[in-house]
Amino acid sequence: MSIIEFNDRVAVVTGAGGGLGRSHALELARRGVKVVVNDLGGSVSGEGGSATMAENVVEEIREFGGTAMANGANVTNPEEVRDMVSSVIEKWGHIDILVNNAGILRDKSFTKMDINDFRLVIEVHLMGSVICTKAVWDHMKERKYGRIVMTTSSSGNYGNFGQTNYGAAKTGVVGLMNTLCLEGAKYDIRVNALSPTAATRMTESLMPQEALDLLTVDSVTAGLIPLVCDGAPNRLIMCAGAGGYAATKVFETSGIHLAPNEQTAENVMLNLDKIRNSINQEEYTSGGQQTMKFVGNAAKNLGIS
């Protein structure tokens, strides 16, 4: 079995003061990566802030001989993030890996949710990922190398009661990944997503202890490492938890075609079962493929070659 190695790599891991981010940072450092432990040090709901959490992780890394630095930039603040990136490049010369892990929870049913709680969760998860990625993007393009991971969730991929804000944000980062992996491909910038299930501050009140004991952060980090190494895939949603690893994919059914004089809401309604039929469904890797399918089917049915 070949060992995944990292040669002279530098990684920024956001939200790395605890939980999954801490696990990611520690494992990358164990593998010789220089790690920026970024954490604002706030609560699960995004309140407060302290550099102590990030500094404690840096101390852990240094104790086993790794190289790390702490940074308290708020991922929603473009200026702070740009300053972080500049300081890292000045100190270590380059940034090769970005793990967008920072996040908060403000769970409530949609009826009870304050719009500001919705907005803040979107800001941290989605816009935080945008801001951090934007800060390293041109640098990675110039160096023709980059590995970026978004942190998504089953709440975004499939839905979860009481998490409309979190689910929307986590679906948003997948949309971000889907386009960035196309724009970065010729520069060897590979963009993937990690969909974790782990026992962290965010999940400890949601599950029984027996389940939490199985959901180790280390098992999730084992799924992260292949997404940020030299041989990383591109555009993979890696699901990881309790030793299980799977891929989430979005498929589109082959659907139906209605002739121009049949294109009514009533005919669409009558054909819902055929529209939903999963036989011959396909995974698309760009939005243009859907357009080509629809136009191709229309041309075929109209006898246009």
Protein backbone atom coordinates (compact mmCIF):
# COMPACT_ATOMS: atom_id res chain seq x y z
CA MET A 1 0.00 0.00 0.00
CA SER A 2 1.45 3.33 -1.04
CA ILE A 3 1.67 6.07 1.58
CA ILE A 4 0.09 9.44 0.85
CA GLU A 5 2.92 11.95 1.14
CA PHE A 6 3.04 15.73 1.12
CA ASN A 7 6.25 17.41 -0.03
CA ASP A 8 6.78 21.03 1.01
CA ARG A 9 3.05 21.77 1.25
CA VAL A 10 1.36 24.55 3.20
CA ALA A 11 -2.27 24.28 4.30
CA VAL A 12 -4.79 26.72 5.73
CA VAL A 13 -7.51 25.03 7.78
CA THR A 14 -10.34 27.28 8.93
CA GLY A 15 -12.26 26.54 12.09
CA ALA A 16 -9.31 24.44 13.23
CA GLY A 17 -9.43 25.26 16.93
CA GLY A 18 -11.53 22.20 17.75
CA GLY A 19 -13.53 19.29 16.37
CA LEU A 20 -13.03 18.35 12.76
CA GLY A 21 -10.79 21.30 11.96
CA ARG A 22 -8.41 20.42 14.77
CA SER A 23 -8.31 16.79 13.59
CA HIS A 24 -7.59 17.90 10.01
CA ALA A 25 -4.84 20.25 11.14
CA LEU A 26 -3.16 17.65 13.36
CA GLU A 27 -3.17 14.95 10.69
CA LEU A 28 -1.85 17.25 7.98
CA ALA A 29 0.92 18.37 10.33
CA ARG A 30 1.79 14.75 11.16
CA ARG A 31 2.27 14.20 7.42
CA GLY A 32 4.74 17.07 7.20
CA VAL A 33 2.43 19.83 6.01
CA LYS A 34 2.97 23.32 7.44
CA VAL A 35 -0.43 24.24 8.85
CA VAL A 36 -2.17 27.53 9.48
CA VAL A 37 -4.61 26.88 12.32
CA ASN A 38 -7.30 29.47 11.71
CA ASP A 39 -10.01 29.93 14.30
CA LEU A 40 -11.93 32.93 15.58
CA GLY A 41 -12.45 31.06 18.84
CA GLY A 42 -16.18 31.71 19.11
CA SER A 43 -19.03 29.56 20.38
CA VAL A 44 -20.93 27.02 18.27
CA SER A 45 -23.51 29.73 17.56
CA GLY A 46 -20.79 32.15 16.45
CA GLU A 47 -20.60 34.38 19.51
CA GLY A 48 -17.44 35.70 21.14
CA GLY A 49 -13.88 35.04 20.10
CA SER A 50 -10.50 34.04 21.49
CA ALA A 51 -7.13 33.09 20.01
CA THR A 52 -6.62 30.44 22.69
CA MET A 53 -8.22 27.54 20.79
CA ALA A 54 -6.03 28.00 17.72
CA GLU A 55 -2.91 28.52 19.82
CA ASN A 56 -3.58 25.32 21.76
CA VAL A 57 -3.73 23.31 18.53
CA VAL A 58 -0.50 24.91 17.33
CA GLU A 59 1.14 23.89 20.60
CA GLU A 60 -0.06 20.30 20.12
CA ILE A 61 1.46 20.26 16.64
CA ARG A 62 4.77 21.66 17.82
CA GLU A 63 4.95 19.10 20.60
CA PHE A 64 5.19 16.26 18.08
CA GLY A 65 7.63 18.16 15.87
CA GLY A 66 5.22 19.65 13.36
CA THR A 67 5.15 23.18 11.99
CA ALA A 68 2.16 25.43 12.52
CA MET A 69 1.03 28.98 13.13
CA ALA A 70 -2.18 30.32 14.66
CA ASN A 71 -4.42 32.89 13.02
CA GLY A 72 -7.64 34.43 14.30
CA ALA A 73 -9.01 35.92 11.07
CA ASN A 74 -12.77 36.04 10.79
CA VAL A 75 -13.60 34.15 7.58
CA THR A 76 -16.44 36.56 6.84
CA ASN A 77 -14.04 39.54 6.80
CA PRO A 78 -12.23 39.82 3.43
CA GLU A 79 -9.56 42.17 4.76
CA GLU A 80 -8.65 39.91 7.67
CA VAL A 81 -8.52 36.89 5.37
CA ARG A 82 -6.33 38.71 2.85
CA ASP A 83 -3.98 39.70 5.66
CA MET A 84 -3.83 36.07 6.81
CA VAL A 85 -2.98 34.84 3.32
CA SER A 86 -0.33 37.54 2.83
CA SER A 87 1.32 36.74 6.16
CA VAL A 88 1.44 33.02 5.37
CA ILE A 89 2.96 33.57 1.93
CA GLU A 90 5.49 35.99 3.42
CA LYS A 91 6.50 33.44 6.06
CA TRP A 92 6.34 30.16 4.15
CA GLY A 93 6.37 31.24 0.51
CA HIS A 94 3.17 29.68 -0.74
CA ILE A 95 -0.22 28.15 0.08
CA ASP A 96 -1.09 24.80 -1.52
CA ILE A 97 -4.13 23.60 0.42
CA LEU A 98 -7.24 25.31 1.74
CA VAL A 99 -9.74 23.45 3.90
CA ASN A 100 -12.90 25.52 4.34
CA ASN A 101 -14.14 24.06 7.60
CA ALA A 102 -15.29 27.03 9.72
CA GLY A 103 -18.96 26.98 10.62
CA ILE A 104 -21.65 27.74 13.15
CA LEU A 105 -25.13 26.44 14.00
CA ARG A 106 -28.29 28.36 14.74
CA ASP A 107 -30.94 25.66 14.48
CA LYS A 108 -34.66 26.41 14.63
CA SER A 109 -37.68 25.53 12.58
CA PHE A 110 -38.19 27.94 9.70
CA THR A 111 -41.25 29.43 11.39
CA LYS A 112 -39.27 30.33 14.51
CA MET A 113 -36.01 31.30 12.81
CA ASP A 114 -34.99 34.93 12.86
CA ILE A 115 -33.83 36.12 9.43
CA ASN A 116 -30.58 37.38 10.97
CA ASP A 117 -29.79 33.83 12.15
CA PHE A 118 -30.39 32.63 8.61
CA ARG A 119 -28.15 35.33 7.18
CA LEU A 120 -25.29 34.76 9.64
CA VAL A 121 -25.12 31.01 8.97
CA ILE A 122 -25.01 31.70 5.23
CA GLU A 123 -22.28 34.31 5.84
CA VAL A 124 -20.03 31.97 7.79
CA HIS A 125 -20.42 28.75 5.81
CA LEU A 126 -20.97 29.96 2.26
CA MET A 127 -19.49 33.45 2.12
CA GLY A 128 -16.67 32.40 4.45
CA SER A 129 -15.74 29.70 1.95
CA VAL A 130 -16.03 32.18 -0.92
CA ILE A 131 -13.87 34.78 0.82
CA CYS A 132 -11.12 32.35 1.82
CA THR A 133 -11.09 30.68 -1.59
CA LYS A 134 -10.98 34.02 -3.38
CA ALA A 135 -8.00 35.06 -1.25
CA VAL A 136 -5.88 32.08 -2.40
CA TRP A 137 -7.28 31.53 -5.89
CA ASP A 138 -5.01 33.74 -8.00
CA HIS A 139 -1.97 32.65 -5.98
CA MET A 140 -2.79 29.01 -6.76
CA LYS A 141 -3.39 29.84 -10.43
CA GLU A 142 0.03 31.49 -10.67
CA ARG A 143 1.69 28.46 -9.11
CA LYS A 144 -0.45 26.06 -11.18
CA TYR A 145 -1.28 24.01 -8.11
CA GLY A 146 -4.01 24.02 -5.51
CA ARG A 147 -6.19 21.72 -3.44
CA ILE A 148 -9.39 23.19 -2.01
CA VAL A 149 -12.03 21.45 0.08
CA MET A 150 -15.49 22.75 0.90
CA THR A 151 -17.28 21.29 3.90
CA THR A 152 -20.82 20.33 2.99
CA SER A 153 -23.35 18.23 4.90
CA SER A 154 -26.09 15.66 4.55
CA SER A 155 -28.34 18.47 5.79
CA GLY A 156 -27.62 20.28 2.54
CA ASN A 157 -27.55 17.23 0.30
CA TYR A 158 -30.74 15.68 1.66
CA GLY A 159 -32.34 18.10 4.14
CA ASN A 160 -32.71 18.05 7.92
CA PHE A 161 -35.55 19.41 10.05
CA GLY A 162 -34.71 22.71 11.76
CA GLN A 163 -31.70 23.46 9.57
CA THR A 164 -32.98 25.52 6.65
CA ASN A 165 -30.16 28.05 7.09
CA TYR A 166 -27.43 25.43 7.52
CA GLY A 167 -28.80 23.23 4.73
CA ALA A 168 -28.99 26.14 2.29
CA ALA A 169 -25.41 27.15 3.11
CA LYS A 170 -24.12 23.60 2.75
CA THR A 171 -25.82 23.15 -0.62
CA GLY A 172 -24.37 26.50 -1.64
CA VAL A 173 -20.77 25.36 -1.16
CA VAL A 174 -21.43 22.40 -3.45
CA GLY A 175 -22.57 24.80 -6.17
CA LEU A 176 -19.40 26.79 -5.55
CA MET A 177 -17.32 23.63 -5.91
CA ASN A 178 -19.09 22.57 -9.11
CA THR A 179 -17.97 25.69 -10.98
CA LEU A 180 -14.59 26.25 -9.35
CA CYS A 181 -13.45 22.74 -10.27
CA LEU A 182 -14.10 23.64 -13.92
CA GLU A 183 -12.36 27.02 -13.76
CA GLY A 184 -9.36 25.63 -11.88
CA ALA A 185 -8.79 22.41 -13.82
CA LYS A 186 -6.21 23.73 -16.29
CA TYR A 187 -4.21 25.19 -13.39
CA ASP A 188 -4.20 21.88 -11.49
CA ILE A 189 -6.48 23.39 -8.85
CA ARG A 190 -8.71 20.55 -7.71
CA VAL A 191 -11.82 21.38 -5.72
CA ASN A 192 -13.72 18.80 -3.72
CA ALA A 193 -16.18 18.66 -0.84
CA LEU A 194 -16.24 16.73 2.42
CA SER A 195 -19.59 15.71 3.88
CA PRO A 196 -18.82 14.63 7.47
CA THR A 197 -20.74 12.98 10.24
CA ALA A 198 -18.79 13.28 13.47
CA ALA A 199 -19.10 13.85 17.19
CA THR A 200 -18.21 17.53 17.64
CA ARG A 201 -19.51 20.53 19.58
CA MET A 202 -22.09 20.88 16.82
CA THR A 203 -23.48 17.35 17.12
CA GLU A 204 -23.01 16.37 20.76
CA SER A 205 -26.56 17.39 21.70
CA LEU A 206 -28.18 15.72 18.69
CA MET A 207 -27.25 12.04 19.14
CA PRO A 208 -27.03 9.37 21.87
CA GLN A 209 -23.60 8.75 23.36
CA GLU A 210 -23.35 5.27 21.81
CA ALA A 211 -23.56 6.81 18.34
CA LEU A 212 -21.21 9.65 19.21
CA ASP A 213 -18.58 7.13 20.32
CA LEU A 214 -18.52 5.68 16.81
CA LEU A 215 -18.46 9.03 15.03
CA THR A 216 -14.83 9.93 15.59
CA VAL A 217 -13.33 13.01 13.99
CA ASP A 218 -10.31 10.93 12.99
CA SER A 219 -12.47 8.74 10.77
CA VAL A 220 -13.65 11.84 8.91
CA THR A 221 -10.14 13.22 8.52
CA ALA A 222 -9.14 9.94 6.87
CA GLY A 223 -11.59 10.93 4.13
CA LEU A 224 -10.20 14.45 3.88
CA ILE A 225 -6.54 13.58 3.26
CA PRO A 226 -7.13 11.99 -0.19
CA LEU A 227 -8.94 15.18 -1.26
CA VAL A 228 -5.93 17.43 -0.64
CA CYS A 229 -2.97 15.30 -1.75
CA ASP A 230 -1.12 15.49 -5.07
CA GLY A 231 -3.25 12.70 -6.53
CA ALA A 232 -6.55 14.19 -5.36
CA PRO A 233 -9.68 13.76 -7.47
CA ASN A 234 -11.66 16.72 -8.76
CA ARG A 235 -15.34 17.44 -8.00
CA LEU A 236 -15.92 14.64 -5.51
CA ILE A 237 -18.30 14.94 -2.58
CA MET A 238 -16.69 12.59 -0.06
CA CYS A 239 -19.06 11.42 2.68
CA ALA A 240 -17.32 10.17 5.82
CA GLY A 241 -18.36 9.02 9.27
CA ALA A 242 -17.93 6.11 11.72
CA GLY A 243 -15.59 4.36 9.28
CA GLY A 244 -18.00 4.65 6.35
CA TYR A 245 -16.98 6.38 3.11
CA ALA A 246 -19.26 7.12 0.18
CA ALA A 247 -19.82 9.65 -2.60
CA THR A 248 -22.84 11.91 -3.03
CA LYS A 249 -23.75 12.53 -6.67
CA VAL A 250 -26.47 14.51 -8.41
CA PHE A 251 -28.12 12.68 -11.29
CA GLU A 252 -30.58 13.91 -13.89
CA THR A 253 -33.21 11.62 -15.36
CA SER A 254 -33.49 11.28 -19.11
CA GLY A 255 -36.96 12.78 -18.79
CA ILE A 256 -39.40 13.35 -21.64
CA HIS A 257 -39.84 15.64 -24.63
CA LEU A 258 -43.09 17.37 -25.52
CA ALA A 259 -43.74 18.73 -28.97
CA PRO A 260 -44.36 22.51 -29.21
CA ASN A 261 -48.15 22.10 -29.31
CA GLU A 262 -48.02 19.75 -26.26
CA GLN A 263 -45.90 21.95 -23.96
CA THR A 264 -48.55 22.70 -21.35
CA ALA A 265 -48.52 22.48 -17.58
CA GLU A 266 -51.23 19.82 -17.77
CA ASN A 267 -49.11 17.56 -19.99
CA VAL A 268 -46.11 18.02 -17.70
CA MET A 269 -48.31 17.04 -14.74
CA LEU A 270 -49.59 13.96 -16.58
CA ASN A 271 -46.02 12.80 -17.21
CA LEU A 272 -44.51 13.26 -13.74
CA ASP A 273 -43.88 9.53 -13.34
CA LYS A 274 -41.94 9.42 -16.62
CA ILE A 275 -40.05 12.59 -15.67
CA ARG A 276 -39.01 10.99 -12.37
CA ASN A 277 -38.06 7.61 -13.88
CA SER A 278 -34.41 6.94 -13.02
CA ILE A 279 -33.72 4.53 -15.89
CA ASN A 280 -30.90 5.93 -18.04
CA GLN A 281 -30.27 8.81 -15.65
CA GLU A 282 -26.86 10.48 -15.96
CA GLU A 283 -24.42 12.42 -13.85
CA TYR A 284 -23.56 15.74 -15.45
CA THR A 285 -20.39 17.71 -14.80
CA SER A 286 -21.45 21.02 -16.32
CA GLY A 287 -24.73 22.87 -16.81
CA GLY A 288 -24.30 22.87 -20.59
CA GLN A 289 -24.87 19.11 -20.73
CA GLN A 290 -28.47 19.58 -19.65
CA THR A 291 -29.02 22.21 -22.34
CA MET A 292 -27.52 19.94 -24.99
CA LYS A 293 -29.81 17.11 -23.90
CA PHE A 294 -32.95 19.20 -24.12
CA VAL A 295 -32.00 20.85 -27.42
CA GLY A 296 -30.88 17.51 -28.87
CA ASN A 297 -34.13 15.81 -27.95
CA ALA A 298 -36.16 18.70 -29.36
CA ALA A 299 -34.22 18.67 -32.61
CA LYS A 300 -34.60 14.90 -32.94
CA ASN A 301 -38.34 15.04 -32.39
CA LEU A 302 -38.67 17.87 -34.92
CA GLY A 303 -36.59 16.00 -37.49
CA ILE A 304 -33.75 18.54 -37.37
CA SER A 305 -30.31 17.01 -37.86
